[in-house]
C-alpha atoms as a PDB file:
ATOM      1  CA  MET A   1     -78.827  -0.451-111.392  1.00  0.00           C
ATOM      2  CA  THR A   2     -77.426  -3.059-109.193  1.00  0.00           C
ATOM      3  CA  ALA A   3     -73.924  -1.998-110.059  1.00  0.00           C
ATOM      4  CA  ILE A   4     -74.711   1.589-109.183  1.00  0.00           C
ATOM      5  CA  LEU A   5     -75.968   0.580-105.742  1.00  0.00           C
ATOM      6  CA  ILE A   6     -72.861  -1.453-105.110  1.00  0.00           C
ATOM      7  CA  LEU A   7     -70.604   1.438-106.063  1.00  0.00           C
ATOM      8  CA  LEU A   8     -72.594   3.797-103.841  1.00  0.00           C
ATOM      9  CA  CYS A   9     -72.247   1.464-100.865  1.00  0.00           C
ATOM     10  CA  LEU A  10     -68.519   1.165-101.444  1.00  0.00           C
ATOM     11  CA  ALA A  11     -68.164   4.930-101.588  1.00  0.00           C
ATOM     12  CA  ILE A  12     -70.027   5.377 -98.338  1.00  0.00           C
ATOM     13  CA  ALA A  13     -67.964   2.695 -96.630  1.00  0.00           C
ATOM     14  CA  GLY A  14     -64.723   4.207 -97.911  1.00  0.00           C
ATOM     15  CA  ARG A  15     -65.696   7.612 -96.613  1.00  0.00           C
ATOM     16  CA  GLU A  16     -66.440   6.194 -93.209  1.00  0.00           C
ATOM     17  CA  LEU A  17     -63.092   4.437 -93.125  1.00  0.00           C
ATOM     18  CA  TYR A  18     -61.338   7.618 -94.201  1.00  0.00           C
ATOM     19  CA  LEU A  19     -63.031   9.685 -91.553  1.00  0.00           C
ATOM     20  CA  SER A  20     -62.230   7.130 -88.902  1.00  0.00           C
ATOM     21  CA  PHE A  21     -58.590   7.042 -89.956  1.00  0.00           C
ATOM     22  CA  ASP A  22     -58.396  10.798 -90.079  1.00  0.00           C
ATOM     23  CA  ARG A  23     -59.692  11.114 -86.511  1.00  0.00           C
ATOM     24  CA  LYS A  24     -57.030   8.773 -85.279  1.00  0.00           C
ATOM     25  CA  ARG A  25     -54.345  10.555 -87.282  1.00  0.00           C
ATOM     26  CA  THR A  26     -55.220  14.057 -86.123  1.00  0.00           C
ATOM     27  CA  GLY A  27     -55.384  13.065 -82.379  1.00  0.00           C
ATOM     28  CA  THR A  28     -59.009  13.685 -81.867  1.00  0.00           C
ATOM     29  CA  ALA A  29     -59.250  10.848 -79.374  1.00  0.00           C
ATOM     30  CA  PRO A  30     -62.012  10.902 -76.895  1.00  0.00           C
ATOM     31  CA  ALA A  31     -61.525  13.905 -74.646  1.00  0.00           C
ATOM     32  CA  PRO A  32     -62.480  12.165 -71.376  1.00  0.00           C
ATOM     33  CA  GLU A  33     -59.658   9.639 -71.678  1.00  0.00           C
ATOM     34  CA  ILE A  34     -57.087  12.327 -72.401  1.00  0.00           C
ATOM     35  CA  ALA A  35     -58.327  14.422 -69.463  1.00  0.00           C
ATOM     36  CA  ASP A  36     -58.092  11.426 -67.160  1.00  0.00           C
ATOM     37  CA  ILE A  37     -54.552  10.711 -68.295  1.00  0.00           C
ATOM     38  CA  ARG A  38     -53.599  14.342 -67.793  1.00  0.00           C
ATOM     39  CA  THR A  39     -55.144  14.280 -64.308  1.00  0.00           C
ATOM     40  CA  GLN A  40     -53.119  11.192 -63.410  1.00  0.00           C
ATOM     41  CA  LEU A  41     -49.940  12.813 -64.740  1.00  0.00           C
ATOM     42  CA  THR A  42     -50.594  15.908 -62.647  1.00  0.00           C
ATOM     43  CA  ALA A  43     -51.236  13.759 -59.568  1.00  0.00           C
ATOM     44  CA  LEU A  44     -48.038  11.813 -60.169  1.00  0.00           C
ATOM     45  CA  LYS A  45     -46.090  15.049 -60.507  1.00  0.00           C
ATOM     46  CA  GLY A  46     -47.513  16.269 -57.180  1.00  0.00           C
ATOM     47  CA  THR A  47     -46.709  12.961 -55.524  1.00  0.00           C
ATOM     48  CA  ARG A  48     -43.127  13.168 -56.771  1.00  0.00           C
ATOM     49  CA  GLU A  49     -42.753  16.670 -55.365  1.00  0.00           C
ATOM     50  CA  GLU A  50     -44.183  15.517 -52.029  1.00  0.00           C
ATOM     51  CA  LEU A  51     -41.797  12.555 -52.058  1.00  0.00           C
ATOM     52  CA  GLU A  52     -38.830  14.841 -52.729  1.00  0.00           C
ATOM     53  CA  GLU A  53     -39.959  17.139 -49.929  1.00  0.00           C
ATOM     54  CA  PHE A  54     -40.352  14.131 -47.571  1.00  0.00           C
ATOM     55  CA  ARG A  55     -36.897  12.901 -48.530  1.00  0.00           C
ATOM     56  CA  GLY A  56     -35.458  16.331 -47.786  1.00  0.00           C
ATOM     57  CA  VAL A  57     -37.106  16.387 -44.348  1.00  0.00           C
ATOM     58  CA  GLN A  58     -35.849  12.867 -43.614  1.00  0.00           C
ATOM     59  CA  ARG A  59     -32.355  13.824 -44.766  1.00  0.00           C
ATOM     60  CA  GLU A  60     -32.330  16.818 -42.409  1.00  0.00           C
ATOM     61  CA  GLN A  61     -33.502  14.635 -39.518  1.00  0.00           C
ATOM     62  CA  LEU A  62     -30.806  12.043 -40.274  1.00  0.00           C
ATOM     63  CA  GLU A  63     -28.173  14.774 -40.396  1.00  0.00           C
ATOM     64  CA  ARG A  64     -29.372  16.100 -37.016  1.00  0.00           C
ATOM     65  CA  LEU A  65     -29.305  12.576 -35.569  1.00  0.00           C
ATOM     66  CA  ALA A  66     -25.789  12.008 -36.903  1.00  0.00           C
ATOM     67  CA  ALA A  67     -24.620  15.317 -35.436  1.00  0.00           C
ATOM     68  CA  GLY A  68     -26.270  14.385 -32.123  1.00  0.00           C
ATOM     69  CA  GLN A  69     -24.493  11.022 -32.123  1.00  0.00           C
ATOM     70  CA  VAL A  70     -21.158  12.717 -32.716  1.00  0.00           C
ATOM     71  CA  THR A  71     -21.845  15.157 -29.869  1.00  0.00           C
ATOM     72  CA  HIS A  72     -22.977  12.283 -27.635  1.00  0.00           C
ATOM     73  CA  ALA A  73     -19.848  10.275 -28.488  1.00  0.00           C
ATOM     74  CA  GLU A  74     -17.641  13.271 -27.699  1.00  0.00           C
ATOM     75  CA  SER A  75     -19.498  13.762 -24.401  1.00  0.00           C
ATOM     76  CA  LEU A  76     -19.016  10.081 -23.554  1.00  0.00           C
ATOM     77  CA  GLN A  77     -15.314  10.317 -24.362  1.00  0.00           C
ATOM     78  CA  GLU A  78     -14.973  13.412 -22.179  1.00  0.00           C
ATOM     79  CA  THR A  79     -16.868  11.730 -19.324  1.00  0.00           C
ATOM     80  CA  ASP A  80     -14.754   8.587 -19.703  1.00  0.00           C
ATOM     81  CA  ALA A  81     -11.582  10.680 -19.607  1.00  0.00           C
ATOM     82  CA  ARG A  82     -12.766  12.399 -16.417  1.00  0.00           C
ATOM     83  CA  ILE A  83     -13.599   9.053 -14.801  1.00  0.00           C
ATOM     84  CA  ARG A  84     -10.193   7.666 -15.759  1.00  0.00           C
ATOM     85  CA  SER A  85      -8.544  10.786 -14.356  1.00  0.00           C
ATOM     86  CA  LEU A  86     -10.448  10.419 -11.070  1.00  0.00           C
ATOM     87  CA  ILE A  87      -9.518   6.729 -10.861  1.00  0.00           C
ATOM     88  CA  SER A  88      -5.896   7.607 -11.530  1.00  0.00           C
ATOM     89  CA  GLN A  89      -5.970  10.285  -8.812  1.00  0.00           C
ATOM     90  CA  ILE A  90      -7.539   7.818  -6.382  1.00  0.00           C
ATOM     91  CA  ASN A  91      -4.881   5.245  -7.232  1.00  0.00           C
ATOM     92  CA  ASP A  92      -2.086   7.797  -6.866  1.00  0.00           C
ATOM     93  CA  ARG A  93      -3.304   9.476  -3.685  1.00  0.00           C
ATOM     94  CA  MET A  94      -5.689   7.294  -1.740  1.00  0.00           C
ATOM     95  CA  LEU A  95      -4.484   3.754  -2.418  1.00  0.00           C
ATOM     96  CA  PRO A  96      -0.973   4.297  -0.985  1.00  0.00           C
ATOM     97  CA  GLU A  97      -2.516   5.865   2.114  1.00  0.00           C
ATOM     98  CA  ILE A  98      -5.006   2.998   2.433  1.00  0.00           C
ATOM     99  CA  ASN A  99      -2.215   0.470   1.933  1.00  0.00           C
ATOM    100  CA  ASP A 100      -0.119   2.224   4.583  1.00  0.00           C
ATOM    101  CA  ARG A 101      -3.027   2.173   7.020  1.00  0.00           C
ATOM    102  CA  LEU A 102      -3.701  -1.489   6.302  1.00  0.00           C
ATOM    103  CA  THR A 103      -0.012  -2.253   6.794  1.00  0.00           C
ATOM    104  CA  GLN A 104       0.009  -0.360  10.093  1.00  0.00           C
ATOM    105  CA  GLN A 105      -3.118  -2.164  11.241  1.00  0.00           C
ATOM    106  CA  ARG A 106      -1.647  -5.519  10.228  1.00  0.00           C
ATOM    107  CA  ASP A 107       1.565  -4.704  12.087  1.00  0.00           C
ATOM    108  CA  SER A 108      -0.447  -3.655  15.135  1.00  0.00           C
ATOM    109  CA  VAL A 109      -2.416  -6.901  15.015  1.00  0.00           C
ATOM    110  CA  ASP A 110       0.818  -8.872  14.645  1.00  0.00           C
ATOM    111  CA  ARG A 111       2.369  -7.061  17.609  1.00  0.00           C
ATOM    112  CA  LEU A 112      -0.771  -7.625  19.648  1.00  0.00           C
ATOM    113  CA  ALA A 113      -0.727 -11.323  18.754  1.00  0.00           C
ATOM    114  CA  GLU A 114       2.923 -11.516  19.801  1.00  0.00           C
ATOM    115  CA  GLU A 115       2.166  -9.770  23.090  1.00  0.00           C
ATOM    116  CA  VAL A 116      -0.755 -12.104  23.777  1.00  0.00           C
ATOM    117  CA  ALA A 117       1.464 -15.095  23.013  1.00  0.00           C
ATOM    118  CA  ARG A 118       4.159 -13.725  25.334  1.00  0.00           C
ATOM    119  CA  LEU A 119       1.649 -13.063  28.091  1.00  0.00           C
ATOM    120  CA  ARG A 120       0.355 -16.590  27.714  1.00  0.00           C
ATOM    121  CA  GLY A 121       3.902 -17.935  27.824  1.00  0.00           C
ATOM    122  CA  HIS A 122       4.664 -15.750  30.841  1.00  0.00           C
ATOM    123  CA  LEU A 123       1.577 -17.018  32.658  1.00  0.00           C
ATOM    124  CA  ILE A 124       2.436 -20.620  31.849  1.00  0.00           C
ATOM    125  CA  GLY A 125       6.008 -20.011  33.026  1.00  0.00           C
ATOM    126  CA  ARG A 126       4.797 -18.522  36.294  1.00  0.00           C
ATOM    127  CA  LEU A 127       2.519 -21.487  36.840  1.00  0.00           C
ATOM    128  CA  ASP A 128       5.406 -23.852  36.131  1.00  0.00           C
ATOM    129  CA  GLN A 129       7.522 -21.940  38.646  1.00  0.00           C
ATOM    130  CA  ALA A 130       4.747 -22.171  41.218  1.00  0.00           C
ATOM    131  CA  VAL A 131       4.543 -25.927  40.652  1.00  0.00           C
ATOM    132  CA  ALA A 132       8.336 -26.244  40.940  1.00  0.00           C
ATOM    133  CA  ALA A 133       8.385 -24.071  44.090  1.00  0.00           C
ATOM    134  CA  SER A 134       5.770 -26.301  45.676  1.00  0.00           C
ATOM    135  CA  LEU A 135       8.164 -29.197  45.074  1.00  0.00           C
ATOM    136  CA  GLY A 136      11.060 -27.397  46.760  1.00  0.00           C
ATOM    137  CA  ALA A 137      12.733 -25.647  43.791  1.00  0.00           C
ATOM    138  CA  GLY A 138      14.245 -22.191  44.250  1.00  0.00           C
ATOM    139  CA  PRO A 139      12.765 -19.034  42.680  1.00  0.00           C
ATOM    140  CA  ILE A 140      13.782 -17.979  39.163  1.00  0.00           C
ATOM    141  CA  ASP A 141      15.673 -14.689  39.015  1.00  0.00           C
ATOM    142  CA  THR A 142      14.307 -11.770  37.000  1.00  0.00           C
ATOM    143  CA  VAL A 143      16.279  -8.734  35.836  1.00  0.00           C
ATOM    144  CA  ALA A 144      15.216  -5.502  34.204  1.00  0.00           C
ATOM    145  CA  GLY A 145      16.257  -4.372  30.764  1.00  0.00           C
ATOM    146  CA  GLY A 146      15.533  -1.574  28.365  1.00  0.00           C
ATOM    147  CA  LEU A 147      15.906  -0.331  24.814  1.00  0.00           C
ATOM    148  CA  GLY A 148      15.591   3.188  23.455  1.00  0.00           C
ATOM    149  CA  THR A 149      16.133   5.176  20.269  1.00  0.00           C
ATOM    150  CA  GLU A 150      15.207   8.424  18.611  1.00  0.00           C
ATOM    151  CA  GLY A 151      12.065   8.447  16.475  1.00  0.00           C
ATOM    152  CA  ALA A 152       8.531   7.212  17.004  1.00  0.00           C
ATOM    153  CA  GLU A 153       9.475   3.591  16.269  1.00  0.00           C
ATOM    154  CA  ALA A 154      12.523   1.419  16.821  1.00  0.00           C
ATOM    155  CA  PRO A 155      14.188  -0.342  13.877  1.00  0.00           C
ATOM    156  CA  SER A 156      13.045  -3.968  13.828  1.00  0.00           C
ATOM    157  CA  GLY A 157      16.667  -5.075  13.466  1.00  0.00           C
ATOM    158  CA  LEU A 158      17.557  -3.340  16.740  1.00  0.00           C
ATOM    159  CA  ILE A 159      14.790  -5.155  18.632  1.00  0.00           C
ATOM    160  CA  ARG A 160      15.810  -8.539  17.191  1.00  0.00           C
ATOM    161  CA  ALA A 161      19.484  -7.901  17.987  1.00  0.00           C
ATOM    162  CA  TYR A 162      18.649  -6.900  21.571  1.00  0.00           C
ATOM    163  CA  GLU A 163      16.536  -9.984  22.224  1.00  0.00           C
ATOM    164  CA  ARG A 164      19.160 -12.252  20.628  1.00  0.00           C
ATOM    165  CA  PHE A 165      21.798 -10.683  22.883  1.00  0.00           C
ATOM    166  CA  ALA A 166      19.658 -11.319  25.965  1.00  0.00           C
ATOM    167  CA  GLU A 167      19.047 -14.899  24.842  1.00  0.00           C
ATOM    168  CA  ARG A 168      22.791 -15.398  24.321  1.00  0.00           C
ATOM    169  CA  TYR A 169      23.278 -14.767  28.061  1.00  0.00           C
ATOM    170  CA  GLY A 170      20.573 -17.195  29.120  1.00  0.00           C
ATOM    171  CA  LEU A 171      17.769 -14.690  29.520  1.00  0.00           C
ATOM    172  CA  ARG A 172      14.188 -15.083  28.410  1.00  0.00           C
ATOM    173  CA  VAL A 173      11.932 -12.153  27.545  1.00  0.00           C
ATOM    174  CA  GLU A 174       9.023 -12.417  29.934  1.00  0.00           C
ATOM    175  CA  LEU A 175       7.401  -9.126  28.989  1.00  0.00           C
ATOM    176  CA  SER A 176       8.169  -5.965  27.026  1.00  0.00           C
ATOM    177  CA  ASP A 177       6.415  -2.638  27.432  1.00  0.00           C
ATOM    178  CA  PRO A 178       7.107  -0.331  24.452  1.00  0.00           C
ATOM    179  CA  THR A 179       6.139   3.336  24.553  1.00  0.00           C
ATOM    180  CA  GLY A 180       6.504   5.516  21.465  1.00  0.00           C
ATOM    181  CA  GLU A 181       6.468   9.305  21.236  1.00  0.00           C
ATOM    182  CA  ASP A 182       7.064  11.751  18.399  1.00  0.00           C
ATOM    183  CA  THR A 183      10.749  12.179  19.266  1.00  0.00           C
ATOM    184  CA  SER A 184      11.738   8.953  21.002  1.00  0.00           C
ATOM    185  CA  TRP A 185      10.856   5.282  21.439  1.00  0.00           C
ATOM    186  CA  LYS A 186      11.528   3.247  24.574  1.00  0.00           C
ATOM    187  CA  ALA A 187      10.722  -0.229  25.805  1.00  0.00           C
ATOM    188  CA  ARG A 188      11.078  -1.762  29.250  1.00  0.00           C
ATOM    189  CA  TYR A 189      11.977  -5.444  29.354  1.00  0.00           C
ATOM    190  CA  TYR A 190      11.571  -8.029  32.074  1.00  0.00           C
ATOM    191  CA  LEU A 191      14.064 -10.859  31.583  1.00  0.00           C
ATOM    192  CA  SER A 192      14.237 -14.098  33.533  1.00  0.00           C
ATOM    193  CA  GLY A 193      16.673 -16.975  33.839  1.00  0.00           C
ATOM    194  CA  ARG A 194      19.869 -15.483  35.330  1.00  0.00           C
ATOM    195  CA  SER A 195      20.716 -13.655  38.527  1.00  0.00           C
ATOM    196  CA  PRO A 196      22.146 -10.106  38.335  1.00  0.00           C
ATOM    197  CA  ARG A 197      25.357 -11.268  40.040  1.00  0.00           C
ATOM    198  CA  ASP A 198      25.980 -14.044  37.490  1.00  0.00           C
ATOM    199  CA  LEU A 199      25.288 -11.606  34.674  1.00  0.00           C
ATOM    200  CA  GLU A 200      27.676  -9.074  36.218  1.00  0.00           C
ATOM    201  CA  ARG A 201      30.578 -11.556  35.964  1.00  0.00           C
ATOM    202  CA  ASP A 202      29.724 -12.499  32.359  1.00  0.00           C
ATOM    203  CA  PHE A 203      29.385  -8.889  31.246  1.00  0.00           C
ATOM    204  CA  ILE A 204      32.674  -7.839  32.885  1.00  0.00           C
ATOM    205  CA  ASP A 205      34.283 -10.604  30.819  1.00  0.00           C
ATOM    206  CA  LEU A 206      32.550  -9.250  27.696  1.00  0.00           C
ATOM    207  CA  VAL A 207      33.864  -5.731  28.414  1.00  0.00           C
ATOM    208  CA  ARG A 208      37.353  -7.182  28.783  1.00  0.00           C
ATOM    209  CA  ARG A 209      37.037  -8.826  25.356  1.00  0.00           C
ATOM    210  CA  LEU A 210      35.777  -5.601  23.819  1.00  0.00           C
ATOM    211  CA  ARG A 211      38.670  -3.597  25.272  1.00  0.00           C
ATOM    212  CA  ALA A 212      41.207  -6.192  24.120  1.00  0.00           C
ATOM    213  CA  SER A 213      39.873  -6.007  20.541  1.00  0.00           C
ATOM    214  CA  SER A 214      39.603  -2.177  20.496  1.00  0.00           C
ATOM    215  CA  GLY A 215      35.839  -2.392  20.250  1.00  0.00           C
ATOM    216  CA  THR A 216      35.830  -4.755  17.254  1.00  0.00           C
ATOM    217  CA  PRO A 217      35.645  -8.283  18.727  1.00  0.00           C
ATOM    218  CA  ASN A 218      35.812 -11.407  16.598  1.00  0.00           C
ATOM    219  CA  GLY A 219      34.530 -14.934  17.101  1.00  0.00           C
ATOM    220  CA  THR A 220      31.241 -16.695  17.553  1.00  0.00           C
ATOM    221  CA  GLU A 221      31.158 -15.960  21.298  1.00  0.00           C
ATOM    222  CA  THR A 222      30.689 -12.249  20.625  1.00  0.00           C
ATOM    223  CA  GLU A 223      28.436 -12.636  17.561  1.00  0.00           C
ATOM    224  CA  ALA A 224      25.284 -11.527  19.406  1.00  0.00           C
ATOM    225  CA  ALA A 225      27.163  -8.565  20.910  1.00  0.00           C
ATOM    226  CA  ASN A 226      28.414  -7.570  17.452  1.00  0.00           C
ATOM    227  CA  ALA A 227      24.872  -7.648  16.061  1.00  0.00           C
ATOM    228  CA  LEU A 228      23.643  -5.369  18.848  1.00  0.00           C
ATOM    229  CA  LEU A 229      26.613  -3.024  18.395  1.00  0.00           C
ATOM    230  CA  ARG A 230      25.945  -2.783  14.646  1.00  0.00           C
ATOM    231  CA  SER A 231      22.278  -1.975  15.260  1.00  0.00           C
ATOM    232  CA  LEU A 232      23.145   0.763  17.767  1.00  0.00           C
ATOM    233  CA  HIS A 233      25.839   2.082  15.444  1.00  0.00           C
ATOM    234  CA  GLY A 234      23.107   2.675  12.845  1.00  0.00           C
ATOM    235  CA  ILE A 235      21.205   5.171  15.020  1.00  0.00           C
ATOM    236  CA  GLU A 236      22.249   8.608  16.218  1.00  0.00           C
ATOM    237  CA  MET A 237      20.959   8.514  19.777  1.00  0.00           C
ATOM    238  CA  GLY A 238      19.782   5.655  21.977  1.00  0.00           C
ATOM    239  CA  GLY A 239      20.866   2.812  24.179  1.00  0.00           C
ATOM    240  CA  ALA A 240      20.282  -0.677  25.524  1.00  0.00           C
ATOM    241  CA  GLN A 241      20.434  -2.269  28.952  1.00  0.00           C
ATOM    242  CA  VAL A 242      20.428  -5.923  29.988  1.00  0.00           C
ATOM    243  CA  GLY A 243      20.621  -6.190  33.755  1.00  0.00           C
ATOM    244  CA  PRO A 244      23.882  -4.483  34.820  1.00  0.00           C
ATOM    245  CA  PHE A 245      25.188  -4.144  31.240  1.00  0.00           C
ATOM    246  CA  VAL A 246      24.558  -0.757  29.593  1.00  0.00           C
ATOM    247  CA  LEU A 247      25.218   0.343  25.987  1.00  0.00           C
ATOM    248  CA  VAL A 248      24.879   4.027  25.080  1.00  0.00           C
ATOM    249  CA  ARG A 249      24.900   5.648  21.630  1.00  0.00           C
ATOM    250  CA  THR A 250      25.338   9.419  21.199  1.00  0.00           C
ATOM    251  CA  PRO A 251      26.231  11.429  18.087  1.00  0.00           C
ATOM    252  CA  GLU A 252      29.826  11.676  19.354  1.00  0.00           C
ATOM    253  CA  ALA A 253      30.469   8.212  20.799  1.00  0.00           C
ATOM    254  CA  MET A 254      29.317   4.699  21.611  1.00  0.00           C
ATOM    255  CA  LEU A 255      30.112   3.397  25.102  1.00  0.00           C
ATOM    256  CA  CYS A 256      29.395   0.356  27.228  1.00  0.00           C
ATOM    257  CA  GLY A 257      29.831  -0.499  30.878  1.00  0.00           C
ATOM    258  CA  VAL A 258      28.813  -2.823  33.688  1.00  0.00           C
ATOM    259  CA  LEU A 259      27.088  -1.185  36.633  1.00  0.00           C
ATOM    260  CA  SER A 260      27.562  -2.548  40.122  1.00  0.00           C
ATOM    261  CA  LEU A 261      24.495  -3.978  41.817  1.00  0.00           C
ATOM    262  CA  ALA A 262      24.380  -0.950  44.132  1.00  0.00           C
ATOM    263  CA  GLU A 263      24.415   1.439  41.152  1.00  0.00           C
ATOM    264  CA  LEU A 264      21.864  -0.733  39.392  1.00  0.00           C
ATOM    265  CA  ARG A 265      19.453  -0.301  42.290  1.00  0.00           C
ATOM    266  CA  LYS A 266      19.808   3.497  42.109  1.00  0.00           C
ATOM    267  CA  ALA A 267      19.211   3.907  38.381  1.00  0.00           C
ATOM    268  CA  GLY A 268      16.550   1.881  36.594  1.00  0.00           C
ATOM    269  CA  PRO A 269      16.509   1.240  32.833  1.00  0.00           C
ATOM    270  CA  ALA A 270      13.870   3.873  32.154  1.00  0.00           C
ATOM    271  CA  ARG A 271      15.962   6.590  33.830  1.00  0.00           C
ATOM    272  CA  LEU A 272      19.187   5.613  32.077  1.00  0.00           C
ATOM    273  CA  LEU A 273      17.703   5.363  28.581  1.00  0.00           C
ATOM    274  CA  ALA A 274      15.734   8.593  28.962  1.00  0.00           C
ATOM    275  CA  ASP A 275      19.035  10.528  28.999  1.00  0.00           C
ATOM    276  CA  PRO A 276      21.716   8.850  26.829  1.00  0.00           C
ATOM    277  CA  VAL A 277      24.135  11.756  27.302  1.00  0.00           C
ATOM    278  CA  GLY A 278      23.788  11.563  31.094  1.00  0.00           C
ATOM    279  CA  ALA A 279      24.178   7.782  30.930  1.00  0.00           C
ATOM    280  CA  ALA A 280      27.395   8.254  28.926  1.00  0.00           C
ATOM    281  CA  VAL A 281      28.757  10.535  31.653  1.00  0.00           C
ATOM    282  CA  ARG A 282      27.863   7.905  34.269  1.00  0.00           C
ATOM    283  CA  LEU A 283      29.665   5.187  32.264  1.00  0.00           C
ATOM    284  CA  HIS A 284      32.797   7.324  32.004  1.00  0.00           C
ATOM    285  CA  GLY A 285      32.916   7.314  35.809  1.00  0.00           C
ATOM    286  CA  LEU A 286      33.094   3.509  36.046  1.00  0.00           C
ATOM    287  CA  PRO A 287      36.335   1.653  36.862  1.00  0.00           C
ATOM    288  CA  GLU A 288      38.442   0.698  33.845  1.00  0.00           C
ATOM    289  CA  SER A 289      37.577  -2.998  34.204  1.00  0.00           C
ATOM    290  CA  ARG A 290      33.880  -2.159  33.827  1.00  0.00           C
ATOM    291  CA  PHE A 291      34.062   0.370  30.973  1.00  0.00           C
ATOM    292  CA  CYS A 292      34.856   0.320  27.237  1.00  0.00           C
ATOM    293  CA  ASP A 293      34.797   3.066  24.617  1.00  0.00           C
ATOM    294  CA  LEU A 294      33.327   1.558  21.420  1.00  0.00           C
ATOM    295  CA  SER A 295      33.526   4.693  19.286  1.00  0.00           C
ATOM    296  CA  ALA A 296      36.040   2.936  17.011  1.00  0.00           C
ATOM    297  CA  PHE A 297      33.439   0.299  16.118  1.00  0.00           C
ATOM    298  CA  ASN A 298      32.774   0.711  12.388  1.00  0.00           C
ATOM    299  CA  GLY A 299      29.538  -1.275  12.167  1.00  0.00           C
ATOM    300  CA  SER A 300      30.739  -3.534   9.330  1.00  0.00           C
ATOM    301  CA  GLU A 301      30.225  -7.282   9.038  1.00  0.00           C
ATOM    302  CA  ARG A 302      33.980  -7.751   9.382  1.00  0.00           C
ATOM    303  CA  SER A 303      33.733  -7.213  13.130  1.00  0.00           C
ATOM    304  CA  ARG A 304      31.970 -10.537  13.417  1.00  0.00           C
END
């Protein structure tokens, strides 16, 4: 009996084990767990689709941003090119004009400073003369001079040559009064240090030297005269006067002469230099000892 009970218990236990194993083998797991797993899988699938959609949206935004950056860079390059072009135009057009104006202003300031210095020197000289006169000294002679040329301005070399020439004959520039127009430039000079009569003798001697050398004098004594002749030779129309000595340049000729003191009183420098052709006619009427035709002067350094 006992054996039968034992066998029965074993049979029941074996059946239970078999049934349990069969449930596991046939997939009859608890339905709630499987449903939960399936729900999670479905949720994960939806999340993946949302993530892919989000990535697509982000990709489109990045592409738009990249395209905007390219457009912005092109716009910056175009703007930079325009700015560079404007700067280049300013440099090409405005800077030279500004530099020219600055140069003109600097030259004007320099000329003004020179005039102020000359006026100061002239005033000091006059005061010195007044002091000397109070001590019994004689008055200092002053003669008129002039310089003229075509164009609104005179070549700086012509002005330097004229003043060197005056200095060579013992004259000091007390004052100059330049006046420029569109077609001509003139300057009146006031020169002190020599009397007109003394200058007349020296200039007649200079004319004699010029005639003897056919208008091409040599030597250090005529160096200042050569420099003035070269400067006048470089212009087409103009002239110079130092006291009784007159130089005239026309397109056809270059002449010089020494006016008498009587003629000098009749015609001032401004009148002579205003009409170079008329002045040339007047010089042709002078005596031979007071006149020289310098048309053969070639303007080269050799004439020194």
